[in-house]
PDB file of N, CA and C in Angstrom:
ATOM      1  N   UNK A   1      -1.090 -27.310 112.801  1.00  0.00           N
ATOM      2  CA  UNK A   1      -0.617 -25.836 112.695  1.00  0.00           C
ATOM      3  C   UNK A   1      -1.780 -25.260 111.688  1.00  0.00           C
ATOM      4  N   UNK A   2      -1.929 -26.349 110.707  1.00  0.00           N
ATOM      5  CA  UNK A   2      -2.673 -25.782 109.586  1.00  0.00           C
ATOM      6  C   UNK A   2      -4.155 -24.922 109.948  1.00  0.00           C
ATOM      7  N   UNK A   3      -4.656 -26.116 111.257  1.00  0.00           N
ATOM      8  CA  UNK A   3      -6.248 -25.512 111.721  1.00  0.00           C
ATOM      9  C   UNK A   3      -5.789 -24.067 112.138  1.00  0.00           C
ATOM     10  N   UNK A   4      -5.367 -23.975 112.762  1.00  0.00           N
ATOM     11  CA  UNK A   4      -4.977 -22.578 113.772  1.00  0.00           C
ATOM     12  C   UNK A   4      -4.599 -21.445 112.572  1.00  0.00           C
ATOM     13  N   UNK A   5      -3.830 -21.624 111.473  1.00  0.00           N
ATOM     14  CA  UNK A   5      -3.831 -20.790 110.660  1.00  0.00           C
ATOM     15  C   UNK A   5      -5.107 -20.621 109.661  1.00  0.00           C
ATOM     16  N   UNK A   6      -5.850 -21.646 110.022  1.00  0.00           N
ATOM     17  CA  UNK A   6      -7.252 -21.168 108.670  1.00  0.00           C
ATOM     18  C   UNK A   6      -8.060 -20.765 109.638  1.00  0.00           C
ATOM     19  N   UNK A   7      -7.930 -20.791 111.047  1.00  0.00           N
ATOM     20  CA  UNK A   7      -9.292 -19.879 111.989  1.00  0.00           C
ATOM     21  C   UNK A   7      -8.540 -18.850 112.145  1.00  0.00           C
ATOM     22  N   UNK A   8      -7.204 -18.178 112.214  1.00  0.00           N
ATOM     23  CA  UNK A   8      -7.240 -16.997 112.128  1.00  0.00           C
ATOM     24  C   UNK A   8      -7.221 -16.465 110.724  1.00  0.00           C
ATOM     25  N   UNK A   9      -6.730 -16.895 109.964  1.00  0.00           N
ATOM     26  CA  UNK A   9      -7.235 -16.205 108.879  1.00  0.00           C
ATOM     27  C   UNK A   9      -8.606 -15.908 108.216  1.00  0.00           C
ATOM     28  N   UNK A  10      -9.218 -17.045 108.658  1.00  0.00           N
ATOM     29  CA  UNK A  10     -10.909 -16.873 108.521  1.00  0.00           C
ATOM     30  C   UNK A  10     -11.043 -15.324 109.469  1.00  0.00           C
ATOM     31  N   UNK A  11     -10.782 -15.466 110.561  1.00  0.00           N
ATOM     32  CA  UNK A  11     -10.987 -14.486 111.870  1.00  0.00           C
ATOM     33  C   UNK A  11     -10.744 -13.256 111.559  1.00  0.00           C
ATOM     34  N   UNK A  12      -9.301 -13.349 110.173  1.00  0.00           N
ATOM     35  CA  UNK A  12      -9.001 -11.691 110.042  1.00  0.00           C
ATOM     36  C   UNK A  12      -9.499 -11.531 108.754  1.00  0.00           C
ATOM     37  N   UNK A  13      -9.963 -12.349 107.590  1.00  0.00           N
ATOM     38  CA  UNK A  13     -10.700 -11.906 106.913  1.00  0.00           C
ATOM     39  C   UNK A  13     -12.150 -11.640 107.138  1.00  0.00           C
ATOM     40  N   UNK A  14     -12.968 -12.169 108.030  1.00  0.00           N
ATOM     41  CA  UNK A  14     -13.973 -11.628 108.404  1.00  0.00           C
ATOM     42  C   UNK A  14     -14.496 -10.177 109.170  1.00  0.00           C
ATOM     43  N   UNK A  15     -13.051  -9.770 109.828  1.00  0.00           N
ATOM     44  CA  UNK A  15     -13.057  -8.446 110.303  1.00  0.00           C
ATOM     45  C   UNK A  15     -13.106  -7.413 109.380  1.00  0.00           C
ATOM     46  N   UNK A  16     -12.059  -7.640 108.197  1.00  0.00           N
ATOM     47  CA  UNK A  16     -12.436  -6.704 107.079  1.00  0.00           C
ATOM     48  C   UNK A  16     -13.223  -6.626 106.621  1.00  0.00           C
ATOM     49  N   UNK A  17     -13.987  -7.954 106.366  1.00  0.00           N
ATOM     50  CA  UNK A  17     -15.340  -7.996 105.561  1.00  0.00           C
ATOM     51  C   UNK A  17     -16.101  -7.239 106.568  1.00  0.00           C
ATOM     52  N   UNK A  18     -16.163  -7.122 107.875  1.00  0.00           N
ATOM     53  CA  UNK A  18     -17.357  -6.571 108.383  1.00  0.00           C
ATOM     54  C   UNK A  18     -17.029  -4.825 108.311  1.00  0.00           C
ATOM     55  N   UNK A  19     -15.581  -4.899 108.375  1.00  0.00           N
ATOM     56  CA  UNK A  19     -15.207  -3.303 108.684  1.00  0.00           C
ATOM     57  C   UNK A  19     -16.030  -2.558 107.569  1.00  0.00           C
ATOM     58  N   UNK A  20     -15.774  -3.375 106.083  1.00  0.00           N
ATOM     59  CA  UNK A  20     -16.289  -2.636 105.022  1.00  0.00           C
ATOM     60  C   UNK A  20     -17.999  -2.408 104.867  1.00  0.00           C
ATOM     61  N   UNK A  21     -18.746  -3.442 105.803  1.00  0.00           N
ATOM     62  CA  UNK A  21     -19.830  -3.539 105.732  1.00  0.00           C
ATOM     63  C   UNK A  21     -20.243  -3.345 107.350  1.00  0.00           C
ATOM     64  N   UNK A  22     -19.651  -2.115 107.696  1.00  0.00           N
ATOM     65  CA  UNK A  22     -20.022  -1.655 109.226  1.00  0.00           C
ATOM     66  C   UNK A  22     -21.990  -1.067 109.170  1.00  0.00           C
ATOM     67  N   UNK A  23     -22.310  -0.706 108.289  1.00  0.00           N
ATOM     68  CA  UNK A  23     -23.436   0.119 108.616  1.00  0.00           C
ATOM     69  C   UNK A  23     -24.728  -0.898 108.151  1.00  0.00           C
ATOM     70  N   UNK A  24     -24.028  -2.052 107.472  1.00  0.00           N
ATOM     71  CA  UNK A  24     -25.285  -2.636 106.794  1.00  0.00           C
ATOM     72  C   UNK A  24     -26.425  -3.101 107.889  1.00  0.00           C
ATOM     73  N   UNK A  25     -25.966  -3.754 109.231  1.00  0.00           N
ATOM     74  CA  UNK A  25     -27.217  -3.942 109.946  1.00  0.00           C
ATOM     75  C   UNK A  25     -27.978  -2.788 110.231  1.00  0.00           C
ATOM     76  N   UNK A  26     -27.563  -1.549 110.660  1.00  0.00           N
ATOM     77  CA  UNK A  26     -28.313  -0.538 110.235  1.00  0.00           C
ATOM     78  C   UNK A  26     -29.389  -0.328 109.748  1.00  0.00           C
ATOM     79  N   UNK A  27     -28.829  -0.117 108.092  1.00  0.00           N
ATOM     80  CA  UNK A  27     -29.798  -0.161 107.056  1.00  0.00           C
ATOM     81  C   UNK A  27     -30.720  -1.468 106.423  1.00  0.00           C
ATOM     82  N   UNK A  28     -30.071  -2.535 107.041  1.00  0.00           N
ATOM     83  CA  UNK A  28     -30.517  -4.066 106.319  1.00  0.00           C
ATOM     84  C   UNK A  28     -31.843  -3.926 107.067  1.00  0.00           C
ATOM     85  N   UNK A  29     -31.949  -4.122 108.503  1.00  0.00           N
ATOM     86  CA  UNK A  29     -33.089  -4.679 109.328  1.00  0.00           C
ATOM     87  C   UNK A  29     -34.447  -3.499 108.986  1.00  0.00           C
ATOM     88  N   UNK A  30     -34.210  -1.986 108.867  1.00  0.00           N
ATOM     89  CA  UNK A  30     -35.724  -1.369 108.314  1.00  0.00           C
ATOM     90  C   UNK A  30     -36.062  -1.793 107.011  1.00  0.00           C
ATOM     91  N   UNK A  31     -34.672  -2.157 106.205  1.00  0.00           N
ATOM     92  CA  UNK A  31     -35.507  -2.430 104.851  1.00  0.00           C
ATOM     93  C   UNK A  31     -36.237  -4.003 104.912  1.00  0.00           C
ATOM     94  N   UNK A  32     -35.662  -4.556 105.664  1.00  0.00           N
ATOM     95  CA  UNK A  32     -36.173  -5.621 105.844  1.00  0.00           C
ATOM     96  C   UNK A  32     -37.606  -6.027 106.726  1.00  0.00           C
ATOM     97  N   UNK A  33     -37.937  -5.164 107.569  1.00  0.00           N
ATOM     98  CA  UNK A  33     -39.382  -4.959 108.085  1.00  0.00           C
ATOM     99  C   UNK A  33     -40.160  -4.425 107.110  1.00  0.00           C
ATOM    100  N   UNK A  34     -39.691  -3.220 106.529  1.00  0.00           N
ATOM    101  CA  UNK A  34     -40.384  -2.517 105.552  1.00  0.00           C
ATOM    102  C   UNK A  34     -40.922  -3.367 104.401  1.00  0.00           C
ATOM    103  N   UNK A  35     -39.724  -4.395 104.208  1.00  0.00           N
ATOM    104  CA  UNK A  35     -40.468  -5.257 103.080  1.00  0.00           C
ATOM    105  C   UNK A  35     -41.165  -6.309 103.274  1.00  0.00           C
ATOM    106  N   UNK A  36     -41.154  -6.628 104.460  1.00  0.00           N
ATOM    107  CA  UNK A  36     -42.424  -7.378 104.901  1.00  0.00           C
ATOM    108  C   UNK A  36     -43.488  -6.899 105.100  1.00  0.00           C
ATOM    109  N   UNK A  37     -43.837  -5.752 105.760  1.00  0.00           N
ATOM    110  CA  UNK A  37     -45.013  -5.153 106.083  1.00  0.00           C
ATOM    111  C   UNK A  37     -45.618  -4.750 104.670  1.00  0.00           C
ATOM    112  N   UNK A  38     -44.775  -4.419 103.547  1.00  0.00           N
ATOM    113  CA  UNK A  38     -45.385  -4.330 102.083  1.00  0.00           C
ATOM    114  C   UNK A  38     -46.105  -5.764 101.735  1.00  0.00           C
ATOM    115  N   UNK A  39     -45.211  -6.822 101.742  1.00  0.00           N
ATOM    116  CA  UNK A  39     -45.568  -7.871 101.246  1.00  0.00           C
ATOM    117  C   UNK A  39     -46.880  -8.537 102.073  1.00  0.00           C
ATOM    118  N   UNK A  40     -46.607  -8.056 103.009  1.00  0.00           N
ATOM    119  CA  UNK A  40     -47.740  -8.500 104.049  1.00  0.00           C
ATOM    120  C   UNK A  40     -49.480  -8.323 103.959  1.00  0.00           C
ATOM    121  N   UNK A  41     -49.356  -6.542 103.362  1.00  0.00           N
ATOM    122  CA  UNK A  41     -50.158  -5.416 103.047  1.00  0.00           C
ATOM    123  C   UNK A  41     -50.811  -6.252 101.828  1.00  0.00           C
ATOM    124  N   UNK A  42     -49.526  -6.593 100.412  1.00  0.00           N
ATOM    125  CA  UNK A  42     -50.331  -7.200  99.753  1.00  0.00           C
ATOM    126  C   UNK A  42     -51.161  -8.265  99.476  1.00  0.00           C
ATOM    127  N   UNK A  43     -50.749  -9.350 100.559  1.00  0.00           N
ATOM    128  CA  UNK A  43     -51.110 -10.878 100.952  1.00  0.00           C
ATOM    129  C   UNK A  43     -52.912 -10.484 101.314  1.00  0.00           C
ATOM    130  N   UNK A  44     -52.484  -9.518 102.440  1.00  0.00           N
ATOM    131  CA  UNK A  44     -53.944  -9.453 102.807  1.00  0.00           C
ATOM    132  C   UNK A  44     -54.888  -8.793 101.856  1.00  0.00           C
ATOM    133  N   UNK A  45     -54.312  -7.530 100.777  1.00  0.00           N
ATOM    134  CA  UNK A  45     -55.158  -7.233 100.248  1.00  0.00           C
ATOM    135  C   UNK A  45     -55.882  -8.294  99.331  1.00  0.00           C
ATOM    136  N   UNK A  46     -54.794  -8.795  98.890  1.00  0.00           N
ATOM    137  CA  UNK A  46     -55.226  -9.947  97.613  1.00  0.00           C
ATOM    138  C   UNK A  46     -56.262 -10.789  98.429  1.00  0.00           C
ATOM    139  N   UNK A  47     -56.128 -11.401  99.599  1.00  0.00           N
ATOM    140  CA  UNK A  47     -56.970 -12.520 100.514  1.00  0.00           C
ATOM    141  C   UNK A  47     -58.717 -11.750 100.683  1.00  0.00           C
ATOM    142  N   UNK A  48     -58.284 -10.023 100.827  1.00  0.00           N
ATOM    143  CA  UNK A  48     -59.832  -9.983 100.826  1.00  0.00           C
ATOM    144  C   UNK A  48     -60.584  -9.747  99.879  1.00  0.00           C
ATOM    145  N   UNK A  49     -59.600  -9.349  98.407  1.00  0.00           N
ATOM    146  CA  UNK A  49     -60.252  -9.247  97.182  1.00  0.00           C
ATOM    147  C   UNK A  49     -60.698 -10.639  97.008  1.00  0.00           C
ATOM    148  N   UNK A  50     -60.136 -11.624  96.986  1.00  0.00           N
ATOM    149  CA  UNK A  50     -60.633 -12.977  96.512  1.00  0.00           C
ATOM    150  C   UNK A  50     -61.958 -13.072  97.557  1.00  0.00           C
ATOM    151  N   UNK A  51     -62.057 -12.919  99.119  1.00  0.00           N
ATOM    152  CA  UNK A  51     -63.051 -13.314  99.928  1.00  0.00           C
ATOM    153  C   UNK A  51     -64.347 -12.525  99.824  1.00  0.00           C
ATOM    154  N   UNK A  52     -64.105 -11.274  98.911  1.00  0.00           N
ATOM    155  CA  UNK A  52     -65.185 -10.437  98.620  1.00  0.00           C
ATOM    156  C   UNK A  52     -65.670 -11.274  97.251  1.00  0.00           C
ATOM    157  N   UNK A  53     -64.574 -11.564  96.399  1.00  0.00           N
ATOM    158  CA  UNK A  53     -65.673 -12.251  95.303  1.00  0.00           C
ATOM    159  C   UNK A  53     -66.101 -13.408  95.616  1.00  0.00           C
ATOM    160  N   UNK A  54     -66.088 -14.038  96.431  1.00  0.00           N
ATOM    161  CA  UNK A  54     -66.354 -15.511  97.029  1.00  0.00           C
ATOM    162  C   UNK A  54     -68.032 -15.085  97.677  1.00  0.00           C
ATOM    163  N   UNK A  55     -67.912 -14.034  98.233  1.00  0.00           N
ATOM    164  CA  UNK A  55     -69.073 -13.859  98.770  1.00  0.00           C
ATOM    165  C   UNK A  55     -69.976 -13.347  97.374  1.00  0.00           C
ATOM    166  N   UNK A  56     -69.909 -12.500  96.401  1.00  0.00           N
ATOM    167  CA  UNK A  56     -70.680 -12.103  95.666  1.00  0.00           C
ATOM    168  C   UNK A  56     -70.688 -13.606  94.478  1.00  0.00           C
ATOM    169  N   UNK A  57     -70.011 -14.196  94.504  1.00  0.00           N
ATOM    170  CA  UNK A  57     -70.281 -15.094  94.220  1.00  0.00           C
ATOM    171  C   UNK A  57     -71.708 -16.560  94.714  1.00  0.00           C
ATOM    172  N   UNK A  58     -71.537 -16.641  95.950  1.00  0.00           N
ATOM    173  CA  UNK A  58     -72.713 -17.002  96.719  1.00  0.00           C
ATOM    174  C   UNK A  58     -73.699 -16.236  96.493  1.00  0.00           C
ATOM    175  N   UNK A  59     -73.756 -14.873  96.928  1.00  0.00           N
ATOM    176  CA  UNK A  59     -75.108 -14.139  96.696  1.00  0.00           C
ATOM    177  C   UNK A  59     -75.546 -14.545  95.484  1.00  0.00           C
ATOM    178  N   UNK A  60     -74.997 -14.638  94.234  1.00  0.00           N
ATOM    179  CA  UNK A  60     -75.088 -14.475  93.120  1.00  0.00           C
ATOM    180  C   UNK A  60     -75.842 -15.930  92.776  1.00  0.00           C
ATOM    181  N   UNK A  61     -75.235 -16.948  93.613  1.00  0.00           N
ATOM    182  CA  UNK A  61     -75.796 -18.672  93.304  1.00  0.00           C
ATOM    183  C   UNK A  61     -77.106 -18.541  94.534  1.00  0.00           C
ATOM    184  N   UNK A  62     -77.612 -17.642  95.216  1.00  0.00           N
ATOM    185  CA  UNK A  62     -78.492 -17.856  95.893  1.00  0.00           C
ATOM    186  C   UNK A  62     -79.500 -16.879  95.558  1.00  0.00           C
ATOM    187  N   UNK A  63     -79.395 -15.923  94.858  1.00  0.00           N
ATOM    188  CA  UNK A  63     -80.665 -15.319  94.303  1.00  0.00           C
ATOM    189  C   UNK A  63     -81.080 -15.894  92.631  1.00  0.00           C
ATOM    190  N   UNK A  64     -80.272 -17.209  92.022  1.00  0.00           N
ATOM    191  CA  UNK A  64     -80.749 -18.144  91.009  1.00  0.00           C
ATOM    192  C   UNK A  64     -81.555 -19.587  91.483  1.00  0.00           C
ATOM    193  N   UNK A  65     -82.402 -19.610  90.929  1.00  0.00           N
ATOM    194  CA  UNK A  65     -83.429 -20.721  91.281  1.00  0.00           C
ATOM    195  C   UNK A  65     -83.072 -21.986  90.389  1.00  0.00           C
ATOM    196  N   UNK A  66     -82.638 -23.086  91.123  1.00  0.00           N
ATOM    197  CA  UNK A  66     -82.605 -24.416  90.571  1.00  0.00           C
ATOM    198  C   UNK A  66     -83.715 -25.222  90.085  1.00  0.00           C
ATOM    199  N   UNK A  67     -83.835 -25.386  88.970  1.00  0.00           N
ATOM    200  CA  UNK A  67     -84.842 -26.617  88.805  1.00  0.00           C
ATOM    201  C   UNK A  67     -84.514 -28.105  88.472  1.00  0.00           C
ATOM    202  N   UNK A  68     -85.167 -29.129  89.077  1.00  0.00           N
ATOM    203  CA  UNK A  68     -84.199 -30.433  88.954  1.00  0.00           C
ATOM    204  C   UNK A  68     -85.194 -30.829  87.919  1.00  0.00           C
ATOM    205  N   UNK A  69     -84.807 -31.823  87.354  1.00  0.00           N
ATOM    206  CA  UNK A  69     -85.647 -32.851  86.008  1.00  0.00           C
ATOM    207  C   UNK A  69     -86.074 -33.638  86.971  1.00  0.00           C
ATOM    208  N   UNK A  70     -87.024 -34.793  86.476  1.00  0.00           N
ATOM    209  CA  UNK A  70     -87.525 -35.811  86.968  1.00  0.00           C
ATOM    210  C   UNK A  70     -86.344 -36.836  87.737  1.00  0.00           C
ATOM    211  N   UNK A  71     -85.428 -37.031  86.699  1.00  0.00           N
ATOM    212  CA  UNK A  71     -84.030 -38.037  86.491  1.00  0.00           C
ATOM    213  C   UNK A  71     -83.460 -37.247  88.023  1.00  0.00           C
ATOM    214  N   UNK A  72     -82.785 -36.063  87.939  1.00  0.00           N
ATOM    215  CA  UNK A  72     -82.476 -35.169  89.272  1.00  0.00           C
ATOM    216  C   UNK A  72     -82.870 -35.767  90.426  1.00  0.00           C
ATOM    217  N   UNK A  73     -84.453 -35.804  90.519  1.00  0.00           N
ATOM    218  CA  UNK A  73     -84.856 -36.067  91.751  1.00  0.00           C
ATOM    219  C   UNK A  73     -84.446 -37.161  92.076  1.00  0.00           C
ATOM    220  N   UNK A  74     -84.881 -38.150  91.167  1.00  0.00           N
ATOM    221  CA  UNK A  74     -84.418 -39.676  91.687  1.00  0.00           C
ATOM    222  C   UNK A  74     -82.975 -39.670  91.979  1.00  0.00           C
ATOM    223  N   UNK A  75     -82.001 -39.198  91.177  1.00  0.00           N
ATOM    224  CA  UNK A  75     -80.687 -39.374  92.324  1.00  0.00           C
ATOM    225  C   UNK A  75     -80.502 -38.672  93.064  1.00  0.00           C
ATOM    226  N   UNK A  76     -81.181 -37.788  93.775  1.00  0.00           N
ATOM    227  CA  UNK A  76     -81.182 -36.590  95.197  1.00  0.00           C
ATOM    228  C   UNK A  76     -81.385 -37.543  95.657  1.00  0.00           C
ATOM    229  N   UNK A  77     -82.328 -38.141  95.752  1.00  0.00           N
ATOM    230  CA  UNK A  77     -83.444 -38.881  96.803  1.00  0.00           C
ATOM    231  C   UNK A  77     -82.751 -39.593  97.832  1.00  0.00           C
ATOM    232  N   UNK A  78     -82.811 -39.387  99.154  1.00  0.00           N
ATOM    233  CA  UNK A  78     -81.932 -40.284  99.779  1.00  0.00           C
ATOM    234  C   UNK A  78     -82.753 -41.769 100.377  1.00  0.00           C
ATOM    235  N   UNK A  79     -81.793 -42.606 100.423  1.00  0.00           N
ATOM    236  CA  UNK A  79     -82.942 -43.907 100.476  1.00  0.00           C
ATOM    237  C   UNK A  79     -82.284 -44.312 102.152  1.00  0.00           C
TER     238      UNK A  79
END
């Protein structure tokens, strides 16, 4: 008996709660989609800046010459 009462009570409470929030899916879905687009665009922008900075560092490193000491040349020699 308690199981049926519990299920019926839960169903009635769900109907009452849904009646107060009838338009929630209509407003929530577009808000979530817009939020996901904004977060995706922000992440994409951050990654582009990060990649651009990495390319700048690589170009800067290419323009600088590296001079090895005789000790460095000994350790770099492959055997």
